[in-house]
């Protein structure tokens, strides 16, 4: 990538709720020498955002752009070394920008939690980005950095200890305080709409290995023909053991319920494994659950959590119930107060048993609202890492761990994020 481009980083969607938070984070923590521009559809609103920022950010250039205008995003991509975008839902608004960056050799990061968008982007942009030298990095917020970098941290520790590779691995959400962004809800809504109109798209959403770069090398699923898989592959990988529903976890001695982000995060983590030639292991199986506690109250909470999530996903799937939910769920651009965000935090613990029979546990935690202030830090630092850090040489449509790995972990640790792993 040429360093002679006009901007080091362009933040697209700077006038949205998370976009403003990301702009504020960059204004406070990016070096003054970094050439940053703010982009969006309204120059007046961009100027308002810029006026609220301190220091050198008061002079950041403004770029008016519609992300669905192919010619405009091609021009934007050519001017930047890195493009960071918060503009979703990405299936509706994101593909022209991602493709323009892939063609221009411009690194790219977003916040998508949409399986179909990542699948479409990988099919359209992976080879193009490999050729141009671009890293197209989806899901650089709470979707899916804690999960993806957490499992990566765990795999690094197991490999360093010489204890084989990962076997059955489960992320337990221990603590989650904070709101779900209106943008995340809108992404869920748009994916539900798209899936409802196509059997093929519904199957793609339901395929646990649907984001793999080599689907034929993965196990078969109920969404694929049930004929034999490639020799020696399916038997080694095994079937996905879904943690859907309420159950008592014998390892942690806690009741667990489905985690509402698992259907996306798990596919990103499995893509990371496949992109790195199954470095986590051929016996790696992965899922995510939410811990609800011990004893009878833990069981009750698990049941309520499962029922609420089931109702939400079912409600999103049909027009009439979706209209009802639209009246009560957060809207794009909405978010909590600073006081509410200050109370946010999250803690993940990732349990695995290695192929040598040893148990390990990783911990990922941060004292931030995961969907808002925490996501702004993760996205902002991912963008700066893409612009300035020594990164793995691989290009294409990548995951956070494959594209950024140790560099992003080190950056986030400066902001009190924890990534640790130990033998149990």
Protein backbone atom coordinates (compact mmCIF):
# COMPACT_ATOMS: atom_id res chain seq x y z
CA UNK A 1 0.00 0.00 0.00
CA UNK A 2 1.31 3.42 -0.90
CA UNK A 3 2.11 5.70 2.05
CA UNK A 4 1.66 8.73 -0.21
CA UNK A 5 -2.12 8.69 0.06
CA UNK A 6 -3.90 11.75 1.35
CA UNK A 7 -5.16 10.19 4.59
CA UNK A 8 -3.87 7.55 6.97
CA UNK A 9 -7.39 6.78 8.18
CA UNK A 10 -10.89 7.79 7.15
CA UNK A 11 -13.74 7.18 9.60
CA UNK A 12 -16.97 6.64 7.65
CA UNK A 13 -20.22 7.03 9.58
CA UNK A 14 -18.72 9.50 12.03
CA UNK A 15 -22.12 11.07 12.76
CA UNK A 16 -23.75 7.89 14.10
CA UNK A 17 -23.75 7.04 17.80
CA UNK A 18 -20.83 4.60 17.73
CA UNK A 19 -19.19 6.66 14.99
CA UNK A 20 -19.09 9.68 17.31
CA UNK A 21 -17.62 7.57 20.09
CA UNK A 22 -14.96 6.23 17.72
CA UNK A 23 -14.13 9.73 16.51
CA UNK A 24 -13.77 10.89 20.13
CA UNK A 25 -11.49 7.94 20.93
CA UNK A 26 -9.27 8.66 17.93
CA UNK A 27 -9.17 12.36 18.75
CA UNK A 28 -7.94 11.61 22.25
CA UNK A 29 -5.56 8.73 21.56
CA UNK A 30 -4.27 8.91 17.98
CA UNK A 31 -0.99 10.80 17.60
CA UNK A 32 -1.44 14.35 16.30
CA UNK A 33 0.59 13.44 13.23
CA UNK A 34 -1.97 10.87 12.05
CA UNK A 35 -3.88 12.18 9.03
CA UNK A 36 -7.54 11.44 9.83
CA UNK A 37 -10.70 12.50 7.99
CA UNK A 38 -14.36 12.17 8.98
CA UNK A 39 -16.83 10.98 6.36
CA UNK A 40 -20.62 10.79 6.17
CA UNK A 41 -23.65 11.91 4.21
CA UNK A 42 -24.16 15.30 5.88
CA UNK A 43 -21.46 17.95 5.96
CA UNK A 44 -23.35 19.90 8.60
CA UNK A 45 -23.55 16.93 10.96
CA UNK A 46 -19.91 16.07 10.33
CA UNK A 47 -18.97 19.63 11.24
CA UNK A 48 -20.92 19.29 14.50
CA UNK A 49 -19.02 16.14 15.38
CA UNK A 50 -15.68 17.73 14.54
CA UNK A 51 -16.52 20.80 16.64
CA UNK A 52 -16.98 18.53 19.68
CA UNK A 53 -13.50 17.00 19.36
CA UNK A 54 -10.37 18.23 21.13
CA UNK A 55 -6.91 19.19 19.92
CA UNK A 56 -5.75 18.53 16.38
CA UNK A 57 -9.07 16.86 15.54
CA UNK A 58 -10.63 20.31 15.20
CA UNK A 59 -8.81 20.52 11.85
CA UNK A 60 -9.69 17.07 10.50
CA UNK A 61 -11.01 17.27 6.91
CA UNK A 62 -14.63 16.35 6.21
CA UNK A 63 -15.71 14.14 3.31
CA UNK A 64 -19.31 13.95 2.17
CA UNK A 65 -20.02 10.49 0.82
CA UNK A 66 -22.95 8.13 0.26
CA UNK A 67 -21.69 4.58 0.81
CA UNK A 68 -24.10 3.23 -1.81
CA UNK A 69 -22.56 5.49 -4.49
CA UNK A 70 -20.02 3.24 -6.19
CA UNK A 71 -18.08 6.04 -7.86
CA UNK A 72 -17.87 8.04 -4.63
CA UNK A 73 -16.54 5.15 -2.56
CA UNK A 74 -14.00 4.24 -5.22
CA UNK A 75 -12.67 7.79 -4.96
CA UNK A 76 -12.68 7.61 -1.17
CA UNK A 77 -10.81 4.30 -1.06
CA UNK A 78 -8.12 5.66 -3.37
CA UNK A 79 -7.45 8.57 -0.98
CA UNK A 80 -6.95 6.53 2.20
CA UNK A 81 -4.53 3.97 3.59
CA UNK A 82 -7.24 2.65 5.94
CA UNK A 83 -11.02 3.01 5.92
CA UNK A 84 -12.99 2.35 9.10
CA UNK A 85 -16.77 2.25 8.78
CA UNK A 86 -19.68 2.12 11.20
CA UNK A 87 -22.33 2.41 8.48
CA UNK A 88 -24.77 -0.48 8.67
CA UNK A 89 -26.70 -2.58 8.10
CA UNK A 90 -23.79 -3.69 6.01
CA UNK A 91 -25.68 -6.01 3.68
CA UNK A 92 -27.68 -3.00 2.58
CA UNK A 93 -25.07 -0.24 2.76
CA UNK A 94 -21.62 -1.77 3.04
CA UNK A 95 -20.64 -3.80 0.00
CA UNK A 96 -19.63 -0.97 -2.39
CA UNK A 97 -17.15 0.41 0.16
CA UNK A 98 -15.69 -2.98 1.09
CA UNK A 99 -15.24 -3.86 -2.59
CA UNK A 100 -13.71 -0.48 -3.41
CA UNK A 101 -11.14 -0.95 -0.64
CA UNK A 102 -10.36 -4.48 -1.79
CA UNK A 103 -9.73 -3.23 -5.32
CA UNK A 104 -7.66 -0.21 -4.23
CA UNK A 105 -5.38 -2.06 -1.82
CA UNK A 106 -6.86 -0.07 1.06
CA UNK A 107 -7.15 -1.73 4.46
CA UNK A 108 -10.71 -1.79 5.82
CA UNK A 109 -12.40 -2.46 9.18
CA UNK A 110 -16.08 -2.53 10.14
CA UNK A 111 -18.50 -3.58 12.89
CA UNK A 112 -20.69 -6.05 11.04
CA UNK A 113 -22.41 -8.90 12.83
CA UNK A 114 -24.13 -10.12 9.66
CA UNK A 115 -23.31 -13.63 8.46
CA UNK A 116 -24.67 -13.02 4.98
CA UNK A 117 -22.66 -9.84 4.48
CA UNK A 118 -19.39 -11.46 5.52
CA UNK A 119 -20.13 -14.46 3.31
CA UNK A 120 -20.91 -12.22 0.32
CA UNK A 121 -17.86 -10.06 0.97
CA UNK A 122 -15.56 -13.08 1.19
CA UNK A 123 -16.88 -14.45 -2.08
CA UNK A 124 -16.63 -11.10 -3.87
CA UNK A 125 -13.53 -9.57 -2.33
CA UNK A 126 -11.13 -12.17 -0.91
CA UNK A 127 -9.13 -12.91 -4.04
CA UNK A 128 -9.28 -9.28 -5.13
CA UNK A 129 -7.85 -8.14 -1.79
CA UNK A 130 -5.14 -10.80 -1.85
CA UNK A 131 -3.98 -9.43 -5.20
CA UNK A 132 -4.19 -5.75 -4.20
CA UNK A 133 -2.60 -6.25 -0.77
CA UNK A 134 -5.64 -5.14 1.22
CA UNK A 135 -6.75 -6.52 4.57
CA UNK A 136 -10.56 -6.47 4.67
CA UNK A 137 -11.29 -7.05 8.34
CA UNK A 138 -14.91 -7.52 9.31
CA UNK A 139 -16.33 -7.58 12.85
CA UNK A 140 -13.91 -5.32 14.71
CA UNK A 141 -16.18 -4.52 17.65
CA UNK A 142 -17.93 -6.56 20.32
CA UNK A 143 -18.85 -8.64 17.27
CA UNK A 144 -16.36 -10.43 17.35
CA UNK A 145 -13.03 -9.26 18.83
CA UNK A 146 -13.47 -10.69 22.36
CA UNK A 147 -14.41 -14.13 21.01
CA UNK A 148 -11.95 -14.20 18.12
CA UNK A 149 -8.91 -12.82 19.96
CA UNK A 150 -9.84 -14.78 23.08
CA UNK A 151 -9.70 -18.12 21.28
CA UNK A 152 -6.54 -16.99 19.47
CA UNK A 153 -4.93 -16.21 22.85
CA UNK A 154 -5.95 -19.62 24.15
CA UNK A 155 -4.54 -21.40 21.09
CA UNK A 156 -1.26 -19.49 21.36
CA UNK A 157 -0.82 -20.55 24.99
CA UNK A 158 -1.62 -24.22 24.28
CA UNK A 159 0.82 -24.28 21.36
CA UNK A 160 3.56 -22.61 23.43
CA UNK A 161 3.10 -25.25 26.14
CA UNK A 162 3.31 -28.08 23.60
CA UNK A 163 -0.08 -29.47 24.63
CA UNK A 164 -1.42 -30.23 21.17
CA UNK A 165 -4.34 -28.27 19.78
CA UNK A 166 -7.80 -27.23 20.95
CA UNK A 167 -10.62 -29.74 21.32
CA UNK A 168 -14.10 -28.90 22.53
CA UNK A 169 -14.02 -25.19 23.36
CA UNK A 170 -16.77 -23.09 24.89
CA UNK A 171 -16.88 -19.38 25.65
CA UNK A 172 -18.82 -18.62 28.84
CA UNK A 173 -20.16 -15.08 29.14
CA UNK A 174 -19.72 -14.49 32.87
CA UNK A 175 -20.59 -10.80 33.04
CA UNK A 176 -22.30 -8.55 30.50
CA UNK A 177 -23.38 -5.08 31.52
CA UNK A 178 -24.31 -2.69 28.75
CA UNK A 179 -26.72 -2.10 25.94
CA UNK A 180 -27.23 -3.66 22.54
CA UNK A 181 -26.79 -0.94 19.94
CA UNK A 182 -29.54 0.13 17.60
CA UNK A 183 -27.21 -0.65 14.73
CA UNK A 184 -26.86 -4.25 15.91
CA UNK A 185 -30.64 -4.58 16.13
CA UNK A 186 -31.03 -3.13 12.65
CA UNK A 187 -28.47 -5.60 11.28
CA UNK A 188 -30.47 -8.45 12.83
CA UNK A 189 -33.62 -7.00 11.29
CA UNK A 190 -32.15 -6.70 7.80
CA UNK A 191 -30.68 -10.21 7.87
CA UNK A 192 -34.04 -11.60 9.01
CA UNK A 193 -35.74 -9.85 6.11
CA UNK A 194 -33.23 -11.17 3.59
CA UNK A 195 -33.34 -14.70 4.99
CA UNK A 196 -37.12 -14.86 5.01
CA UNK A 197 -37.27 -14.41 1.26
CA UNK A 198 -34.78 -17.10 0.24
CA UNK A 199 -34.36 -20.72 1.28
CA UNK A 200 -30.76 -20.65 0.09
CA UNK A 201 -29.99 -17.61 2.25
CA UNK A 202 -31.65 -19.23 5.27
CA UNK A 203 -29.45 -22.27 4.79
CA UNK A 204 -26.38 -20.06 4.55
CA UNK A 205 -27.26 -18.35 7.84
CA UNK A 206 -27.82 -21.71 9.52
CA UNK A 207 -24.62 -23.37 8.32
CA UNK A 208 -22.19 -23.44 11.29
CA UNK A 209 -19.21 -23.51 8.90
CA UNK A 210 -20.77 -21.14 6.37
CA UNK A 211 -17.92 -18.61 6.58
CA UNK A 212 -15.16 -21.15 6.02
CA UNK A 213 -12.90 -20.36 3.04
CA UNK A 214 -12.89 -24.10 2.25
CA UNK A 215 -16.37 -25.38 3.02
CA UNK A 216 -15.76 -28.81 1.48
CA UNK A 217 -12.96 -29.44 3.98
CA UNK A 218 -15.35 -28.87 6.89
CA UNK A 219 -17.84 -31.34 8.37
CA UNK A 220 -21.23 -31.79 6.74
CA UNK A 221 -24.22 -30.25 8.46
CA UNK A 222 -27.97 -30.54 8.22
CA UNK A 223 -27.83 -27.66 5.77
CA UNK A 224 -25.66 -29.58 3.30
CA UNK A 225 -25.93 -32.92 1.50
CA UNK A 226 -25.23 -35.77 3.89
CA UNK A 227 -22.87 -37.69 1.65
CA UNK A 228 -19.32 -38.52 2.71
CA UNK A 229 -16.97 -35.65 3.47
CA UNK A 230 -13.36 -35.61 2.26
CA UNK A 231 -11.41 -38.56 3.57
CA UNK A 232 -10.18 -38.12 7.12
CA UNK A 233 -11.76 -34.69 7.57
CA UNK A 234 -15.26 -34.95 8.99
CA UNK A 235 -14.36 -37.68 11.43
CA UNK A 236 -11.53 -35.64 12.83
CA UNK A 237 -13.42 -32.40 13.09
CA UNK A 238 -16.58 -33.98 14.43
CA UNK A 239 -20.03 -32.45 14.50
CA UNK A 240 -20.71 -29.05 15.99
CA UNK A 241 -22.10 -29.50 19.47
CA UNK A 242 -24.53 -26.66 19.72
CA UNK A 243 -25.13 -25.22 23.16
CA UNK A 244 -28.58 -24.01 22.14
CA UNK A 245 -31.16 -24.28 24.90
CA UNK A 246 -30.86 -24.46 28.68
CA UNK A 247 -28.48 -26.93 30.29
CA UNK A 248 -26.34 -27.51 33.37
CA UNK A 249 -22.63 -27.34 32.59
CA UNK A 250 -20.81 -30.14 34.40
CA UNK A 251 -17.42 -28.44 34.04
CA UNK A 252 -18.34 -25.04 35.46
CA UNK A 253 -21.21 -26.28 37.67
CA UNK A 254 -23.43 -23.47 36.36
CA UNK A 255 -26.61 -23.21 34.38
CA UNK A 256 -26.15 -21.82 30.89
CA UNK A 257 -28.39 -20.34 28.23
CA UNK A 258 -27.73 -19.42 24.59
CA UNK A 259 -25.64 -16.29 24.01
CA UNK A 260 -27.43 -14.01 21.56
CA UNK A 261 -24.24 -13.29 19.57
CA UNK A 262 -23.08 -16.91 19.34
CA UNK A 263 -24.62 -17.55 15.93
CA UNK A 264 -22.27 -14.96 14.44
CA UNK A 265 -19.19 -15.10 16.68
CA UNK A 266 -18.79 -18.86 16.35
CA UNK A 267 -18.65 -18.60 12.57
CA UNK A 268 -15.97 -15.91 12.72
CA UNK A 269 -13.85 -18.03 15.07
CA UNK A 270 -14.25 -21.09 12.85
CA UNK A 271 -13.22 -18.97 9.84
CA UNK A 272 -10.08 -17.96 11.73
CA UNK A 273 -9.23 -21.61 12.26
CA UNK A 274 -9.70 -22.44 8.58
CA UNK A 275 -7.85 -19.35 7.31
CA UNK A 276 -4.80 -20.43 9.32
CA UNK A 277 -4.84 -23.97 7.94
CA UNK A 278 -6.79 -25.22 10.98
CA UNK A 279 -4.11 -24.07 13.42
CA UNK A 280 -6.55 -24.44 16.33
CA UNK A 281 -6.84 -28.10 15.41
CA UNK A 282 -8.88 -30.50 13.34
CA UNK A 283 -10.72 -31.54 16.49
CA UNK A 284 -11.60 -27.96 17.40
CA UNK A 285 -15.30 -27.53 18.12
CA UNK A 286 -16.59 -24.20 19.34
CA UNK A 287 -19.67 -22.63 20.91
CA UNK A 288 -20.68 -19.77 23.17
CA UNK A 289 -23.09 -19.67 26.11
CA UNK A 290 -24.22 -17.24 28.78
CA UNK A 291 -23.75 -18.32 32.38
CA UNK A 292 -26.82 -17.63 34.53
CA UNK A 293 -25.63 -18.91 37.90
CA UNK A 294 -25.94 -21.89 40.18
CA UNK A 295 -28.90 -23.60 41.83
CA UNK A 296 -32.61 -23.12 41.14
CA UNK A 297 -32.32 -19.40 40.39
CA UNK A 298 -29.63 -20.11 37.81
CA UNK A 299 -31.99 -22.52 36.09
CA UNK A 300 -34.83 -19.99 36.15
CA UNK A 301 -32.62 -17.25 34.69
CA UNK A 302 -31.40 -19.61 31.97
CA UNK A 303 -34.96 -20.48 31.03
CA UNK A 304 -36.02 -16.83 30.90
CA UNK A 305 -32.97 -15.87 28.84
CA UNK A 306 -33.61 -18.66 26.36
CA UNK A 307 -37.30 -17.75 26.07
CA UNK A 308 -36.57 -14.05 25.47
CA UNK A 309 -33.95 -14.79 22.81
CA UNK A 310 -36.19 -17.32 21.12
CA UNK A 311 -39.01 -14.80 21.04
CA UNK A 312 -36.75 -12.09 19.66
CA UNK A 313 -35.40 -14.20 16.80
CA UNK A 314 -38.85 -15.59 16.01
CA UNK A 315 -40.32 -12.10 16.09
CA UNK A 316 -37.70 -10.79 13.69
CA UNK A 317 -38.56 -13.47 11.15
CA UNK A 318 -42.06 -12.23 10.24
CA UNK A 319 -43.29 -8.83 9.13
CA UNK A 320 -46.13 -8.24 11.62
CA UNK A 321 -44.14 -9.18 14.73
CA UNK A 322 -41.10 -7.35 13.40
CA UNK A 323 -43.20 -4.17 13.20
CA UNK A 324 -44.18 -4.57 16.86
CA UNK A 325 -40.57 -5.10 17.93
CA UNK A 326 -39.49 -2.06 15.93
CA UNK A 327 -41.52 0.14 18.27
CA UNK A 328 -39.67 -0.95 21.39
CA UNK A 329 -36.16 -1.94 20.32
CA UNK A 330 -33.29 0.60 20.00
CA UNK A 331 -33.13 2.46 16.70
CA UNK A 332 -29.95 3.02 14.64
CA UNK A 333 -28.12 6.05 15.99
CA UNK A 334 -29.52 5.64 19.51
CA UNK A 335 -27.45 4.76 22.54
CA UNK A 336 -27.10 5.03 26.31
CA UNK A 337 -25.97 8.01 28.35
CA UNK A 338 -22.35 8.47 29.42
CA UNK A 339 -23.36 7.52 32.96
CA UNK A 340 -24.91 4.28 31.74
CA UNK A 341 -21.88 3.48 29.58
CA UNK A 342 -19.60 4.06 32.58
CA UNK A 343 -21.31 1.17 34.36
CA UNK A 344 -20.67 -1.22 31.49
CA UNK A 345 -18.26 -4.14 31.56
CA UNK A 346 -17.89 -7.67 30.24
CA UNK A 347 -16.07 -10.84 31.22
CA UNK A 348 -15.64 -13.91 29.00
CA UNK A 349 -14.02 -17.16 30.12
CA UNK A 350 -13.12 -19.67 27.42
CA UNK A 351 -12.75 -23.30 28.47
CA UNK A 352 -11.05 -25.98 26.40
CA UNK A 353 -9.64 -29.48 26.68
CA UNK A 354 -6.65 -30.00 24.43
CA UNK A 355 -5.86 -33.02 22.31
CA UNK A 356 -3.41 -34.09 25.03
CA UNK A 357 -6.21 -34.06 27.62
CA UNK A 358 -5.16 -30.89 29.47
CA UNK A 359 -7.70 -28.24 30.44
CA UNK A 360 -7.02 -24.55 29.77
CA UNK A 361 -8.97 -21.40 30.42
CA UNK A 362 -8.67 -17.99 28.76
CA UNK A 363 -10.14 -14.78 30.12
CA UNK A 364 -11.20 -11.74 28.11
CA UNK A 365 -12.50 -8.74 30.03
CA UNK A 366 -12.83 -4.97 29.84
CA UNK A 367 -14.37 -2.24 32.03
CA UNK A 368 -16.48 -0.75 29.22
CA UNK A 369 -19.97 -0.92 27.81
CA UNK A 370 -19.35 -3.68 25.24
CA UNK A 371 -21.59 -2.37 22.46
CA UNK A 372 -20.68 1.28 22.75
CA UNK A 373 -17.57 2.68 24.48
CA UNK A 374 -15.84 -0.71 24.33
CA UNK A 375 -16.64 -1.17 20.67
CA UNK A 376 -15.38 2.34 19.86
CA UNK A 377 -12.02 1.50 21.42
CA UNK A 378 -11.80 -1.84 19.62
CA UNK A 379 -12.67 -0.35 16.23
CA UNK A 380 -10.46 2.71 16.63
CA UNK A 381 -7.44 0.69 17.69
CA UNK A 382 -8.03 -1.85 14.90
CA UNK A 383 -7.92 1.01 12.41
CA UNK A 384 -4.69 2.41 13.88
CA UNK A 385 -3.13 -1.07 13.90
CA UNK A 386 -3.97 -1.48 10.22
CA UNK A 387 -2.37 1.86 9.46
CA UNK A 388 0.83 1.64 11.50
CA UNK A 389 1.65 -1.75 13.02
CA UNK A 390 3.73 -4.67 11.83
CA UNK A 391 1.07 -7.24 10.97
CA UNK A 392 0.91 -10.77 9.56
CA UNK A 393 1.59 -10.72 5.83
CA UNK A 394 -1.70 -12.35 4.88
CA UNK A 395 -4.22 -10.27 2.88
CA UNK A 396 -7.80 -10.88 1.81
CA UNK A 397 -11.11 -10.94 3.66
CA UNK A 398 -9.85 -11.77 7.14
CA UNK A 399 -10.93 -11.98 10.76
CA UNK A 400 -9.51 -9.76 13.53
CA UNK A 401 -7.22 -12.48 14.89
CA UNK A 402 -5.85 -13.44 11.47
CA UNK A 403 -5.31 -9.85 10.33
CA UNK A 404 -4.25 -8.19 13.57
CA UNK A 405 -3.50 -10.82 16.23
CA UNK A 406 -0.85 -9.81 18.73
CA UNK A 407 -0.68 -6.20 17.55
CA UNK A 408 -4.32 -5.55 18.45
CA UNK A 409 -4.06 -7.45 21.74
CA UNK A 410 -1.17 -5.22 22.80
CA UNK A 411 -3.04 -2.08 21.78
CA UNK A 412 -6.18 -3.04 23.70
CA UNK A 413 -4.24 -4.00 26.81
CA UNK A 414 -3.15 -0.36 27.05
CA UNK A 415 -6.85 0.44 27.62
CA UNK A 416 -7.30 -2.17 30.36
CA UNK A 417 -8.59 -4.97 28.17
CA UNK A 418 -7.47 -8.34 29.49
CA UNK A 419 -6.43 -11.28 27.30
CA UNK A 420 -4.94 -14.11 29.33
CA UNK A 421 -4.76 -17.91 29.21
CA UNK A 422 -3.58 -20.51 31.71
CA UNK A 423 -3.60 -24.20 32.36
CA UNK A 424 -6.42 -25.10 34.76
